[in-house]
Every structure is written in structure tokens, then in C-alpha cells.
Amino acid sequence: MDDPAAFSQPWTAEYPFYATNEPIYEYACHEGNYALPGILAGAREGEKMKD
């Protein structure tokens, strides 16, 4: 990030992602994301049926 109006010096950031064989559920962080609890609840019910 290089914005002299906002920061005294340039900086960088890094976020590690780790490989997995498990399902990945997207979660978008915003106020309008009301569907996620229902999506995950449906996934949990689907997992119960597999047992």
C-alpha cells in the first residue's frame, strides 16, 4: 500500500491460505449476508442424512 496522504511509509500485508480437502464455504463480510446461516444449516442437515 503506497498512499502518502494516508500513511507515513509504504507497507505490505500477507494472509496465508492453507490447502484442504474439506468443503469450503464462502462468507462475504457485509451486512446484507443474511443467507449464510440458512446455507450452513442446510449443509448440516445434509451431513446428518449421510450418517
C-alpha atoms as a PDB file:
ATOM      1  CA  MET A   1       0.000   0.000   0.000  1.00  0.00           C
ATOM      2  CA  ASP A   2       1.504   3.257  -1.022  1.00  0.00           C
ATOM      3  CA  ASP A   3      -0.632   6.299  -0.182  1.00  0.00           C
ATOM      4  CA  PRO A   4       1.426   9.192   1.186  1.00  0.00           C
ATOM      5  CA  ALA A   5      -1.757  11.065   2.106  1.00  0.00           C
ATOM      6  CA  ALA A   6      -2.810   8.254   4.449  1.00  0.00           C
ATOM      7  CA  PHE A   7       0.428   6.550   5.572  1.00  0.00           C
ATOM      8  CA  SER A   8       3.876   7.758   6.576  1.00  0.00           C
ATOM      9  CA  GLN A   9       5.554   4.945   4.625  1.00  0.00           C
ATOM     10  CA  PRO A  10       4.555   2.198   2.168  1.00  0.00           C
ATOM     11  CA  TRP A  11       3.570  -1.155   3.659  1.00  0.00           C
ATOM     12  CA  THR A  12       2.532  -4.646   2.572  1.00  0.00           C
ATOM     13  CA  ALA A  13       0.334  -7.350   4.048  1.00  0.00           C
ATOM     14  CA  GLU A  14       0.054 -11.059   3.521  1.00  0.00           C
ATOM     15  CA  TYR A  15      -2.552 -13.659   4.500  1.00  0.00           C
ATOM     16  CA  PRO A  16      -1.672 -17.361   4.247  1.00  0.00           C
ATOM     17  CA  PHE A  17      -4.153 -19.838   2.774  1.00  0.00           C
ATOM     18  CA  TYR A  18      -3.741 -23.493   3.599  1.00  0.00           C
ATOM     19  CA  ALA A  19      -4.725 -26.346   1.277  1.00  0.00           C
ATOM     20  CA  THR A  20      -7.589 -28.550   2.446  1.00  0.00           C
ATOM     21  CA  ASN A  21      -9.603 -31.437   1.072  1.00  0.00           C
ATOM     22  CA  GLU A  22     -12.656 -30.268   3.034  1.00  0.00           C
ATOM     23  CA  PRO A  23     -15.519 -28.248   1.511  1.00  0.00           C
ATOM     24  CA  ILE A  24     -15.020 -24.501   1.555  1.00  0.00           C
ATOM     25  CA  TYR A  25     -17.981 -22.238   2.292  1.00  0.00           C
ATOM     26  CA  GLU A  26     -17.707 -18.663   1.108  1.00  0.00           C
ATOM     27  CA  TYR A  27     -18.505 -15.979   3.659  1.00  0.00           C
ATOM     28  CA  ALA A  28     -18.703 -12.425   2.398  1.00  0.00           C
ATOM     29  CA  CYS A  29     -18.401  -9.941   5.245  1.00  0.00           C
ATOM     30  CA  HIS A  30     -21.146  -7.407   4.773  1.00  0.00           C
ATOM     31  CA  GLU A  31     -24.413  -6.515   6.485  1.00  0.00           C
ATOM     32  CA  GLY A  32     -26.561  -7.970   3.716  1.00  0.00           C
ATOM     33  CA  ASN A  33     -25.267 -11.532   4.075  1.00  0.00           C
ATOM     34  CA  TYR A  34     -28.387 -12.985   5.710  1.00  0.00           C
ATOM     35  CA  ALA A  35     -28.402 -16.202   3.665  1.00  0.00           C
ATOM     36  CA  LEU A  36     -25.296 -17.815   5.177  1.00  0.00           C
ATOM     37  CA  PRO A  37     -26.969 -19.289   8.310  1.00  0.00           C
ATOM     38  CA  GLY A  38     -29.558 -20.984   6.085  1.00  0.00           C
ATOM     39  CA  ILE A  39     -26.912 -22.258   3.676  1.00  0.00           C
ATOM     40  CA  LEU A  40     -24.871 -23.751   6.503  1.00  0.00           C
ATOM     41  CA  ALA A  41     -27.971 -25.154   8.250  1.00  0.00           C
ATOM     42  CA  GLY A  42     -28.872 -26.945   5.014  1.00  0.00           C
ATOM     43  CA  ALA A  43     -25.347 -28.327   4.754  1.00  0.00           C
ATOM     44  CA  ARG A  44     -25.525 -29.608   8.351  1.00  0.00           C
ATOM     45  CA  GLU A  45     -28.853 -31.348   7.610  1.00  0.00           C
ATOM     46  CA  GLY A  46     -27.285 -32.916   4.530  1.00  0.00           C
ATOM     47  CA  GLU A  47     -24.427 -34.224   6.653  1.00  0.00           C
ATOM     48  CA  LYS A  48     -26.887 -35.810   9.115  1.00  0.00           C
ATOM     49  CA  MET A  49     -28.541 -37.710   6.244  1.00  0.00           C
ATOM     50  CA  LYS A  50     -25.191 -39.235   5.234  1.00  0.00           C
ATOM     51  CA  ASP A  51     -24.731 -40.831   8.691  1.00  0.00           C
END
